[in-house]
Amino acid sequence: MNQSPRPERVSLHCADGTVLQGHFHAAHGGERPADRPPVLISPATGVRQQFYGRFAHWLCLRGHDVLVFDYRGIGLSRPASLKGHPATLAQWGQQDQVAAVQWLVQRTGAPQVQILGHSAGGQMIGLLPNHAQVSRVVGVAASSGWMRGMPWRFRQVARLGLLVLLPLASRFKGYAPASWLGLGEDLPRQVARDWGRWCAAGGYATNAVKHTPELDFHEDIDLPITVFHASDDDIATPTTVQDFLRTLPRAQHRVHRLRPRDHGLSHIGHIDWFRPSHQVLWPLLAEALNPNPSTGAT
């Protein structure tokens, strides 16, 4: 992989005073081409920013300024103890993504940025009051996570983990020990509760703003949204992807469902997209960030 300057560690200041930690990867050569908008990589639930480091570096070598960060309560944005941490899942969109978008706009001078969101990171655009600063969303394994849209066996596992075990463990520990269940990093208690509730109800982030219409921007979103999901993903299925996209009726949707064997892979699933072993998929994501108008959806 080509050499470029090390990413710069940066602090992102949210409107409520919370400070998040991220890394900024400047476009290779120090100058971003006009046709390469800045990219905000928004992580999946319980996934640290370091997981996306190689992909962020790969994008900056192709001319993008790239910011990746940790939500409050995760990774470098986590305090020494999660016990009693007050974060909610809605704040990850309404505060954390908002601050990240604003920081990237101010740093690069670009009028708009693109969000490349992994799972939850691509599902909360309807919560951002500054959504006009976003020109495009590329959602990787992005869906509503609606439990009724999952395969039956996996649905039962999800219900047990998100609706029973995590809430029960949270009562005793003061945080959600998601790592015990193989669900990524440990989470603030309310984040885990919201996660389970939103996935059980369907419609994902719309559940955060049902009673506060002034904070609901889902029907205002009219930007292009491209979703990639894998045929072996039990979470982002055709049903759950469509359940997410129905919440954004004005957005221009494209959906790409990939089969691992078509790309020489044995597995993609929900997480593996950003692993170096799956770098064969990265040009597809880059093309979605820089689309050729003549290219159709698959």
C-alpha atoms as a PDB file:
ATOM      1  CA  MET A   1       0.000   0.000   0.000  1.00  0.00           C
ATOM      2  CA  ASN A   2       1.324   3.439  -0.904  1.00  0.00           C
ATOM      3  CA  GLN A   3       2.717   5.639   1.819  1.00  0.00           C
ATOM      4  CA  SER A   4       0.995   8.849   2.899  1.00  0.00           C
ATOM      5  CA  PRO A   5       1.086  11.019   6.026  1.00  0.00           C
ATOM      6  CA  ARG A   6      -0.201   9.425   9.200  1.00  0.00           C
ATOM      7  CA  PRO A   7      -3.804  10.305  10.028  1.00  0.00           C
ATOM      8  CA  GLU A   8      -4.296  13.251  12.329  1.00  0.00           C
ATOM      9  CA  ARG A   9      -6.071  12.650  15.616  1.00  0.00           C
ATOM     10  CA  VAL A  10      -8.828  15.239  16.054  1.00  0.00           C
ATOM     11  CA  SER A  11     -11.475  16.228  18.596  1.00  0.00           C
ATOM     12  CA  LEU A  12     -15.098  16.796  17.591  1.00  0.00           C
ATOM     13  CA  HIS A  13     -17.237  19.047  19.781  1.00  0.00           C
ATOM     14  CA  CYS A  14     -20.941  18.245  19.957  1.00  0.00           C
ATOM     15  CA  ALA A  15     -23.611  20.845  20.658  1.00  0.00           C
ATOM     16  CA  ASP A  16     -24.302  19.331  24.101  1.00  0.00           C
ATOM     17  CA  GLY A  17     -20.646  19.675  25.144  1.00  0.00           C
ATOM     18  CA  THR A  18     -19.604  16.067  24.517  1.00  0.00           C
ATOM     19  CA  VAL A  19     -16.171  15.729  22.922  1.00  0.00           C
ATOM     20  CA  LEU A  20     -15.572  12.845  20.523  1.00  0.00           C
ATOM     21  CA  GLN A  21     -12.320  11.510  19.145  1.00  0.00           C
ATOM     22  CA  GLY A  22     -11.621  10.853  15.476  1.00  0.00           C
ATOM     23  CA  HIS A  23      -8.883  10.615  12.872  1.00  0.00           C
ATOM     24  CA  PHE A  24      -8.614  12.731   9.742  1.00  0.00           C
ATOM     25  CA  HIS A  25      -6.983  11.246   6.646  1.00  0.00           C
ATOM     26  CA  ALA A  26      -6.004  14.052   4.270  1.00  0.00           C
ATOM     27  CA  ALA A  27      -6.228  13.381   0.541  1.00  0.00           C
ATOM     28  CA  HIS A  28      -2.986  11.950  -0.792  1.00  0.00           C
ATOM     29  CA  GLY A  29      -0.772  14.689  -2.167  1.00  0.00           C
ATOM     30  CA  GLY A  30      -2.321  17.314   0.079  1.00  0.00           C
ATOM     31  CA  GLU A  31      -4.949  18.512  -2.384  1.00  0.00           C
ATOM     32  CA  ARG A  32      -8.402  17.017  -2.869  1.00  0.00           C
ATOM     33  CA  PRO A  33      -9.652  16.952  -6.472  1.00  0.00           C
ATOM     34  CA  ALA A  34     -12.894  18.847  -7.050  1.00  0.00           C
ATOM     35  CA  ASP A  35     -14.683  15.624  -8.046  1.00  0.00           C
ATOM     36  CA  ARG A  36     -13.720  13.836  -4.810  1.00  0.00           C
ATOM     37  CA  PRO A  37     -15.980  15.130  -2.008  1.00  0.00           C
ATOM     38  CA  PRO A  38     -14.892  14.576   1.605  1.00  0.00           C
ATOM     39  CA  VAL A  39     -16.097  11.322   3.152  1.00  0.00           C
ATOM     40  CA  LEU A  40     -17.331  10.763   6.698  1.00  0.00           C
ATOM     41  CA  ILE A  41     -17.068   7.121   7.739  1.00  0.00           C
ATOM     42  CA  SER A  42     -19.732   6.466  10.361  1.00  0.00           C
ATOM     43  CA  PRO A  43     -19.195   3.188  12.222  1.00  0.00           C
ATOM     44  CA  ALA A  44     -21.568   0.357  12.976  1.00  0.00           C
ATOM     45  CA  THR A  45     -22.922  -0.162  16.496  1.00  0.00           C
ATOM     46  CA  GLY A  46     -20.150  -1.291  18.809  1.00  0.00           C
ATOM     47  CA  VAL A  47     -17.374  -1.058  16.194  1.00  0.00           C
ATOM     48  CA  ARG A  48     -14.312   1.077  16.885  1.00  0.00           C
ATOM     49  CA  GLN A  49     -12.971   3.565  14.370  1.00  0.00           C
ATOM     50  CA  GLN A  50      -9.700   1.634  14.064  1.00  0.00           C
ATOM     51  CA  PHE A  51     -11.571  -1.096  12.194  1.00  0.00           C
ATOM     52  CA  TYR A  52     -12.016   1.321   9.288  1.00  0.00           C
ATOM     53  CA  GLY A  53      -8.468   2.686   9.293  1.00  0.00           C
ATOM     54  CA  ARG A  54      -7.147   0.752   6.301  1.00  0.00           C
ATOM     55  CA  PHE A  55     -10.204   1.539   4.231  1.00  0.00           C
ATOM     56  CA  ALA A  56      -9.964   5.235   5.163  1.00  0.00           C
ATOM     57  CA  HIS A  57      -6.309   5.213   4.107  1.00  0.00           C
ATOM     58  CA  TRP A  58      -7.240   3.511   0.827  1.00  0.00           C
ATOM     59  CA  LEU A  59      -9.842   6.216   0.141  1.00  0.00           C
ATOM     60  CA  CYS A  60      -7.430   9.063   0.879  1.00  0.00           C
ATOM     61  CA  LEU A  61      -4.977   7.579  -1.637  1.00  0.00           C
ATOM     62  CA  ARG A  62      -7.773   7.986  -4.186  1.00  0.00           C
ATOM     63  CA  GLY A  63      -8.174  11.677  -3.517  1.00  0.00           C
ATOM     64  CA  HIS A  64     -10.722  11.885  -0.702  1.00  0.00           C
ATOM     65  CA  ASP A  65     -10.372  13.714   2.585  1.00  0.00           C
ATOM     66  CA  VAL A  66     -11.705  11.198   5.104  1.00  0.00           C
ATOM     67  CA  LEU A  67     -12.870  11.486   8.701  1.00  0.00           C
ATOM     68  CA  VAL A  68     -13.597   8.480  10.898  1.00  0.00           C
ATOM     69  CA  PHE A  69     -14.653   8.773  14.532  1.00  0.00           C
ATOM     70  CA  ASP A  70     -16.048   6.986  17.574  1.00  0.00           C
ATOM     71  CA  TYR A  71     -19.516   7.690  18.920  1.00  0.00           C
ATOM     72  CA  ARG A  72     -19.866   8.692  22.559  1.00  0.00           C
ATOM     73  CA  GLY A  73     -19.265   5.666  24.759  1.00  0.00           C
ATOM     74  CA  ILE A  74     -17.236   3.774  22.133  1.00  0.00           C
ATOM     75  CA  GLY A  75     -13.505   3.347  21.547  1.00  0.00           C
ATOM     76  CA  LEU A  76     -11.504   6.544  21.940  1.00  0.00           C
ATOM     77  CA  SER A  77     -14.704   8.428  22.846  1.00  0.00           C
ATOM     78  CA  ARG A  78     -15.341   6.149  25.827  1.00  0.00           C
ATOM     79  CA  PRO A  79     -14.593   7.162  29.417  1.00  0.00           C
ATOM     80  CA  ALA A  80     -12.654   4.878  31.743  1.00  0.00           C
ATOM     81  CA  SER A  81     -15.933   3.373  32.977  1.00  0.00           C
ATOM     82  CA  LEU A  82     -19.175   2.916  31.043  1.00  0.00           C
ATOM     83  CA  LYS A  83     -21.201   2.380  34.204  1.00  0.00           C
ATOM     84  CA  GLY A  84     -24.045   4.870  34.215  1.00  0.00           C
ATOM     85  CA  HIS A  85     -22.970   6.481  30.931  1.00  0.00           C
ATOM     86  CA  PRO A  86     -25.983   8.562  29.784  1.00  0.00           C
ATOM     87  CA  ALA A  87     -25.615   8.158  25.998  1.00  0.00           C
ATOM     88  CA  THR A  88     -28.619   7.230  23.863  1.00  0.00           C
ATOM     89  CA  LEU A  89     -28.666   5.784  20.368  1.00  0.00           C
ATOM     90  CA  ALA A  90     -30.534   8.856  19.105  1.00  0.00           C
ATOM     91  CA  GLN A  91     -27.658  11.064  20.293  1.00  0.00           C
ATOM     92  CA  TRP A  92     -25.312   9.165  17.982  1.00  0.00           C
ATOM     93  CA  GLY A  93     -27.267  10.700  15.117  1.00  0.00           C
ATOM     94  CA  GLN A  94     -28.640  13.937  16.539  1.00  0.00           C
ATOM     95  CA  GLN A  95     -25.364  14.983  18.171  1.00  0.00           C
ATOM     96  CA  ASP A  96     -22.392  12.842  17.120  1.00  0.00           C
ATOM     97  CA  GLN A  97     -22.928  12.532  13.373  1.00  0.00           C
ATOM     98  CA  VAL A  98     -24.009  16.166  13.265  1.00  0.00           C
ATOM     99  CA  ALA A  99     -20.740  17.259  14.887  1.00  0.00           C
ATOM    100  CA  ALA A 100     -18.697  15.023  12.576  1.00  0.00           C
ATOM    101  CA  VAL A 101     -20.360  16.430   9.449  1.00  0.00           C
ATOM    102  CA  GLN A 102     -19.874  19.998  10.647  1.00  0.00           C
ATOM    103  CA  TRP A 103     -16.218  19.391  11.512  1.00  0.00           C
ATOM    104  CA  LEU A 104     -15.482  17.883   8.099  1.00  0.00           C
ATOM    105  CA  VAL A 105     -17.220  20.729   6.266  1.00  0.00           C
ATOM    106  CA  GLN A 106     -15.262  23.310   8.252  1.00  0.00           C
ATOM    107  CA  ARG A 107     -11.949  21.511   7.896  1.00  0.00           C
ATOM    108  CA  THR A 108     -12.151  20.935   4.137  1.00  0.00           C
ATOM    109  CA  GLY A 109     -14.107  24.015   3.051  1.00  0.00           C
ATOM    110  CA  ALA A 110     -16.400  21.783   0.994  1.00  0.00           C
ATOM    111  CA  PRO A 111     -20.079  22.805   1.012  1.00  0.00           C
ATOM    112  CA  GLN A 112     -21.167  19.193   1.458  1.00  0.00           C
ATOM    113  CA  VAL A 113     -19.709  15.845   2.482  1.00  0.00           C
ATOM    114  CA  GLN A 114     -20.662  12.250   1.804  1.00  0.00           C
ATOM    115  CA  ILE A 115     -21.494   9.761   4.534  1.00  0.00           C
ATOM    116  CA  LEU A 116     -20.258   6.227   4.107  1.00  0.00           C
ATOM    117  CA  GLY A 117     -22.093   4.529   6.926  1.00  0.00           C
ATOM    118  CA  HIS A 118     -21.656   0.965   8.101  1.00  0.00           C
ATOM    119  CA  SER A 119     -24.888  -0.528   9.445  1.00  0.00           C
ATOM    120  CA  ALA A 120     -26.200   1.973  12.051  1.00  0.00           C
ATOM    121  CA  GLY A 121     -23.798   4.571  10.673  1.00  0.00           C
ATOM    122  CA  GLY A 122     -25.784   4.704   7.444  1.00  0.00           C
ATOM    123  CA  GLN A 123     -29.230   4.484   8.998  1.00  0.00           C
ATOM    124  CA  MET A 124     -29.581   7.744  10.952  1.00  0.00           C
ATOM    125  CA  ILE A 125     -29.566  10.445   8.254  1.00  0.00           C
ATOM    126  CA  GLY A 126     -33.187  11.270   9.147  1.00  0.00           C
ATOM    127  CA  LEU A 127     -32.023  12.459  12.585  1.00  0.00           C
ATOM    128  CA  LEU A 128     -29.518  15.052  11.304  1.00  0.00           C
ATOM    129  CA  PRO A 129     -30.748  18.652  11.359  1.00  0.00           C
ATOM    130  CA  ASN A 130     -27.764  19.539   9.149  1.00  0.00           C
ATOM    131  CA  HIS A 131     -28.617  16.920   6.517  1.00  0.00           C
ATOM    132  CA  ALA A 132     -28.321  19.645   3.842  1.00  0.00           C
ATOM    133  CA  GLN A 133     -24.562  19.444   4.394  1.00  0.00           C
ATOM    134  CA  VAL A 134     -24.651  15.834   3.161  1.00  0.00           C
ATOM    135  CA  SER A 135     -24.671  15.238  -0.589  1.00  0.00           C
ATOM    136  CA  ARG A 136     -24.885  11.452  -0.625  1.00  0.00           C
ATOM    137  CA  VAL A 137     -25.163   8.430   1.671  1.00  0.00           C
ATOM    138  CA  VAL A 138     -23.554   5.089   0.892  1.00  0.00           C
ATOM    139  CA  GLY A 139     -24.866   2.565   3.391  1.00  0.00           C
ATOM    140  CA  VAL A 140     -22.927  -0.663   3.821  1.00  0.00           C
ATOM    141  CA  ALA A 141     -25.039  -3.401   5.415  1.00  0.00           C
ATOM    142  CA  ALA A 142     -27.498  -0.591   6.187  1.00  0.00           C
ATOM    143  CA  SER A 143     -31.075  -1.544   7.013  1.00  0.00           C
ATOM    144  CA  SER A 144     -33.665  -1.092   9.744  1.00  0.00           C
ATOM    145  CA  GLY A 145     -32.487  -4.262  11.487  1.00  0.00           C
ATOM    146  CA  TRP A 146     -36.179  -5.143  11.817  1.00  0.00           C
ATOM    147  CA  MET A 147     -36.290  -8.477  13.597  1.00  0.00           C
ATOM    148  CA  ARG A 148     -39.313  -9.685  11.653  1.00  0.00           C
ATOM    149  CA  GLY A 149     -37.295  -9.285   8.459  1.00  0.00           C
ATOM    150  CA  MET A 150     -34.488 -11.564   9.630  1.00  0.00           C
ATOM    151  CA  PRO A 151     -34.275 -15.327   8.990  1.00  0.00           C
ATOM    152  CA  TRP A 152     -36.318 -17.149  11.620  1.00  0.00           C
ATOM    153  CA  ARG A 153     -33.465 -18.777  13.539  1.00  0.00           C
ATOM    154  CA  PHE A 154     -31.343 -15.607  13.626  1.00  0.00           C
ATOM    155  CA  ARG A 155     -34.427 -13.621  14.658  1.00  0.00           C
ATOM    156  CA  GLN A 156     -34.782 -15.718  17.795  1.00  0.00           C
ATOM    157  CA  VAL A 157     -31.117 -15.180  18.656  1.00  0.00           C
ATOM    158  CA  ALA A 158     -31.480 -11.422  18.115  1.00  0.00           C
ATOM    159  CA  ARG A 159     -34.582 -11.254  20.299  1.00  0.00           C
ATOM    160  CA  LEU A 160     -32.879 -13.174  23.089  1.00  0.00           C
ATOM    161  CA  GLY A 161     -29.712 -11.082  22.949  1.00  0.00           C
ATOM    162  CA  LEU A 162     -31.141  -7.584  22.424  1.00  0.00           C
ATOM    163  CA  LEU A 163     -34.445  -7.831  24.287  1.00  0.00           C
ATOM    164  CA  VAL A 164     -33.573 -10.165  27.180  1.00  0.00           C
ATOM    165  CA  LEU A 165     -29.896 -10.764  27.902  1.00  0.00           C
ATOM    166  CA  LEU A 166     -28.456  -7.279  27.325  1.00  0.00           C
ATOM    167  CA  PRO A 167     -31.203  -5.438  29.249  1.00  0.00           C
ATOM    168  CA  LEU A 168     -30.926  -7.915  32.110  1.00  0.00           C
ATOM    169  CA  ALA A 169     -27.138  -7.678  32.286  1.00  0.00           C
ATOM    170  CA  SER A 170     -27.347  -3.880  32.075  1.00  0.00           C
ATOM    171  CA  ARG A 171     -29.396  -3.736  35.259  1.00  0.00           C
ATOM    172  CA  PHE A 172     -26.595  -5.368  37.212  1.00  0.00           C
ATOM    173  CA  LYS A 173     -23.544  -3.850  35.546  1.00  0.00           C
ATOM    174  CA  GLY A 174     -24.769  -0.355  34.713  1.00  0.00           C
ATOM    175  CA  TYR A 175     -23.793  -0.799  31.061  1.00  0.00           C
ATOM    176  CA  ALA A 176     -24.494  -3.330  28.321  1.00  0.00           C
ATOM    177  CA  PRO A 177     -21.747  -6.003  28.118  1.00  0.00           C
ATOM    178  CA  ALA A 178     -22.286  -6.587  24.397  1.00  0.00           C
ATOM    179  CA  SER A 179     -18.833  -8.121  24.044  1.00  0.00           C
ATOM    180  CA  TRP A 180     -20.016 -11.061  26.156  1.00  0.00           C
ATOM    181  CA  LEU A 181     -22.500 -11.929  23.422  1.00  0.00           C
ATOM    182  CA  GLY A 182     -20.175 -11.304  20.489  1.00  0.00           C
ATOM    183  CA  LEU A 183     -22.044  -8.096  19.583  1.00  0.00           C
ATOM    184  CA  GLY A 184     -19.030  -5.818  19.354  1.00  0.00           C
ATOM    185  CA  GLU A 185     -17.841  -3.341  21.974  1.00  0.00           C
ATOM    186  CA  ASP A 186     -19.647  -2.886  25.268  1.00  0.00           C
ATOM    187  CA  LEU A 187     -22.309  -0.192  25.045  1.00  0.00           C
ATOM    188  CA  PRO A 188     -23.889   2.474  27.220  1.00  0.00           C
ATOM    189  CA  ARG A 189     -26.996   0.988  28.790  1.00  0.00           C
ATOM    190  CA  GLN A 190     -29.551   3.158  26.996  1.00  0.00           C
ATOM    191  CA  VAL A 191     -27.849   2.714  23.616  1.00  0.00           C
ATOM    192  CA  ALA A 192     -28.360  -1.036  23.926  1.00  0.00           C
ATOM    193  CA  ARG A 193     -31.971  -0.610  25.029  1.00  0.00           C
ATOM    194  CA  ASP A 194     -32.723   1.682  22.102  1.00  0.00           C
ATOM    195  CA  TRP A 195     -30.996  -0.730  19.716  1.00  0.00           C
ATOM    196  CA  GLY A 196     -33.243  -3.593  20.771  1.00  0.00           C
ATOM    197  CA  ARG A 197     -36.400  -1.466  20.792  1.00  0.00           C
ATOM    198  CA  TRP A 198     -35.792   0.038  17.356  1.00  0.00           C
ATOM    199  CA  CYS A 199     -35.016  -3.340  15.798  1.00  0.00           C
ATOM    200  CA  ALA A 200     -38.101  -4.930  17.347  1.00  0.00           C
ATOM    201  CA  ALA A 201     -40.392  -2.165  16.091  1.00  0.00           C
ATOM    202  CA  GLY A 202     -39.027  -1.677  12.561  1.00  0.00           C
ATOM    203  CA  GLY A 203     -38.434   1.693  10.976  1.00  0.00           C
ATOM    204  CA  TYR A 204     -35.179   2.092  12.925  1.00  0.00           C
ATOM    205  CA  ALA A 205     -34.437   5.772  13.747  1.00  0.00           C
ATOM    206  CA  THR A 206     -38.047   6.860  13.194  1.00  0.00           C
ATOM    207  CA  ASN A 207     -38.678   5.347  16.637  1.00  0.00           C
ATOM    208  CA  ALA A 208     -36.522   8.070  18.191  1.00  0.00           C
ATOM    209  CA  VAL A 209     -38.684  10.916  16.899  1.00  0.00           C
ATOM    210  CA  LYS A 210     -42.235   9.557  16.908  1.00  0.00           C
ATOM    211  CA  HIS A 211     -43.326  12.120  19.473  1.00  0.00           C
ATOM    212  CA  THR A 212     -41.024  14.963  18.430  1.00  0.00           C
ATOM    213  CA  PRO A 213     -41.883  15.720  14.794  1.00  0.00           C
ATOM    214  CA  GLU A 214     -39.757  18.859  14.869  1.00  0.00           C
ATOM    215  CA  LEU A 215     -36.704  16.568  15.190  1.00  0.00           C
ATOM    216  CA  ASP A 216     -37.789  14.168  12.427  1.00  0.00           C
ATOM    217  CA  PHE A 217     -36.157  14.885   9.054  1.00  0.00           C
ATOM    218  CA  HIS A 218     -36.847  11.567   7.325  1.00  0.00           C
ATOM    219  CA  GLU A 219     -39.334  13.016   4.846  1.00  0.00           C
ATOM    220  CA  ASP A 220     -37.011  15.940   4.079  1.00  0.00           C
ATOM    221  CA  ILE A 221     -34.161  13.767   2.844  1.00  0.00           C
ATOM    222  CA  ASP A 222     -33.950  14.009  -0.964  1.00  0.00           C
ATOM    223  CA  LEU A 223     -30.328  13.019  -1.556  1.00  0.00           C
ATOM    224  CA  PRO A 224     -29.059   9.841  -3.288  1.00  0.00           C
ATOM    225  CA  ILE A 225     -28.761   6.796  -1.036  1.00  0.00           C
ATOM    226  CA  THR A 226     -26.956   3.667  -2.189  1.00  0.00           C
ATOM    227  CA  VAL A 227     -27.187   0.537  -0.047  1.00  0.00           C
ATOM    228  CA  PHE A 228     -24.866  -2.455  -0.301  1.00  0.00           C
ATOM    229  CA  HIS A 229     -25.749  -5.674   1.484  1.00  0.00           C
ATOM    230  CA  ALA A 230     -24.638  -9.271   1.191  1.00  0.00           C
ATOM    231  CA  SER A 231     -26.707 -12.348   0.436  1.00  0.00           C
ATOM    232  CA  ASP A 232     -25.250 -14.028   3.541  1.00  0.00           C
ATOM    233  CA  ASP A 233     -26.125 -11.162   5.910  1.00  0.00           C
ATOM    234  CA  ASP A 234     -28.811 -12.179   8.407  1.00  0.00           C
ATOM    235  CA  ILE A 235     -29.365  -8.578   9.558  1.00  0.00           C
ATOM    236  CA  ALA A 236     -29.394  -6.510   6.348  1.00  0.00           C
ATOM    237  CA  THR A 237     -31.798  -8.648   4.332  1.00  0.00           C
ATOM    238  CA  PRO A 238     -33.927  -7.540   1.362  1.00  0.00           C
ATOM    239  CA  THR A 239     -36.831  -7.030   3.781  1.00  0.00           C
ATOM    240  CA  THR A 240     -34.924  -4.979   6.362  1.00  0.00           C
ATOM    241  CA  VAL A 241     -33.203  -2.890   3.677  1.00  0.00           C
ATOM    242  CA  GLN A 242     -36.562  -1.967   2.189  1.00  0.00           C
ATOM    243  CA  ASP A 243     -37.962  -1.274   5.654  1.00  0.00           C
ATOM    244  CA  PHE A 244     -35.168   1.274   6.114  1.00  0.00           C
ATOM    245  CA  LEU A 245     -35.571   2.866   2.696  1.00  0.00           C
ATOM    246  CA  ARG A 246     -39.334   3.291   3.119  1.00  0.00           C
ATOM    247  CA  THR A 247     -38.560   5.752   5.927  1.00  0.00           C
ATOM    248  CA  LEU A 248     -36.878   8.044   3.365  1.00  0.00           C
ATOM    249  CA  PRO A 249     -39.573   8.370   0.689  1.00  0.00           C
ATOM    250  CA  ARG A 250     -38.004  11.318  -1.182  1.00  0.00           C
ATOM    251  CA  ALA A 251     -34.481   9.912  -1.390  1.00  0.00           C
ATOM    252  CA  GLN A 252     -33.211   8.381  -4.622  1.00  0.00           C
ATOM    253  CA  HIS A 253     -32.538   4.750  -3.773  1.00  0.00           C
ATOM    254  CA  ARG A 254     -30.142   2.242  -5.250  1.00  0.00           C
ATOM    255  CA  VAL A 255     -29.607  -1.208  -3.777  1.00  0.00           C
ATOM    256  CA  HIS A 256     -26.799  -3.638  -4.554  1.00  0.00           C
ATOM    257  CA  ARG A 257     -27.059  -7.168  -3.156  1.00  0.00           C
ATOM    258  CA  LEU A 258     -23.741  -8.987  -3.445  1.00  0.00           C
ATOM    259  CA  ARG A 259     -23.094 -12.716  -3.416  1.00  0.00           C
ATOM    260  CA  PRO A 260     -19.709 -13.581  -1.885  1.00  0.00           C
ATOM    261  CA  ARG A 261     -18.785 -16.156  -4.525  1.00  0.00           C
ATOM    262  CA  ASP A 262     -19.231 -13.589  -7.294  1.00  0.00           C
ATOM    263  CA  HIS A 263     -16.266 -11.739  -5.817  1.00  0.00           C
ATOM    264  CA  GLY A 264     -14.089 -14.725  -4.966  1.00  0.00           C
ATOM    265  CA  LEU A 265     -15.094 -14.658  -1.298  1.00  0.00           C
ATOM    266  CA  SER A 266     -16.499 -17.349   0.961  1.00  0.00           C
ATOM    267  CA  HIS A 267     -18.248 -14.885   3.261  1.00  0.00           C
ATOM    268  CA  ILE A 268     -19.169 -11.211   3.561  1.00  0.00           C
ATOM    269  CA  GLY A 269     -21.926 -11.106   6.154  1.00  0.00           C
ATOM    270  CA  HIS A 270     -22.599  -7.949   8.131  1.00  0.00           C
ATOM    271  CA  ILE A 271     -19.113  -6.923   9.212  1.00  0.00           C
ATOM    272  CA  ASP A 272     -16.402  -8.150   6.828  1.00  0.00           C
ATOM    273  CA  TRP A 273     -16.722  -5.439   4.162  1.00  0.00           C
ATOM    274  CA  PHE A 274     -13.899  -3.359   5.615  1.00  0.00           C
ATOM    275  CA  ARG A 275     -11.412  -6.103   6.406  1.00  0.00           C
ATOM    276  CA  PRO A 276      -8.225  -6.123   4.282  1.00  0.00           C
ATOM    277  CA  SER A 277      -9.197  -9.667   3.233  1.00  0.00           C
ATOM    278  CA  HIS A 278     -12.242  -8.149   1.497  1.00  0.00           C
ATOM    279  CA  GLN A 279     -10.472  -5.317  -0.299  1.00  0.00           C
ATOM    280  CA  VAL A 280     -11.877  -6.629  -3.574  1.00  0.00           C
ATOM    281  CA  LEU A 281     -15.171  -4.969  -2.527  1.00  0.00           C
ATOM    282  CA  TRP A 282     -13.711  -1.531  -1.869  1.00  0.00           C
ATOM    283  CA  PRO A 283     -13.741  -0.310  -5.508  1.00  0.00           C
ATOM    284  CA  LEU A 284     -17.504  -0.907  -5.542  1.00  0.00           C
ATOM    285  CA  LEU A 285     -17.919   1.401  -2.556  1.00  0.00           C
ATOM    286  CA  ALA A 286     -15.598   3.985  -4.113  1.00  0.00           C
ATOM    287  CA  GLU A 287     -17.621   3.902  -7.338  1.00  0.00           C
ATOM    288  CA  ALA A 288     -20.786   4.592  -5.343  1.00  0.00           C
ATOM    289  CA  LEU A 289     -19.068   7.647  -3.852  1.00  0.00           C
ATOM    290  CA  ASN A 290     -18.045   8.776  -7.346  1.00  0.00           C
ATOM    291  CA  PRO A 291     -20.834   7.397  -9.526  1.00  0.00           C
ATOM    292  CA  ASN A 292     -20.779   7.180 -13.284  1.00  0.00           C
ATOM    293  CA  PRO A 293     -24.203   8.426 -14.441  1.00  0.00           C
ATOM    294  CA  SER A 294     -24.352   5.668 -17.036  1.00  0.00           C
ATOM    295  CA  THR A 295     -23.949   2.925 -14.445  1.00  0.00           C
ATOM    296  CA  GLY A 296     -27.198   1.285 -13.364  1.00  0.00           C
ATOM    297  CA  ALA A 297     -28.157  -0.424 -10.127  1.00  0.00           C
ATOM    298  CA  THR A 298     -27.827  -4.150  -9.662  1.00  0.00           C
END
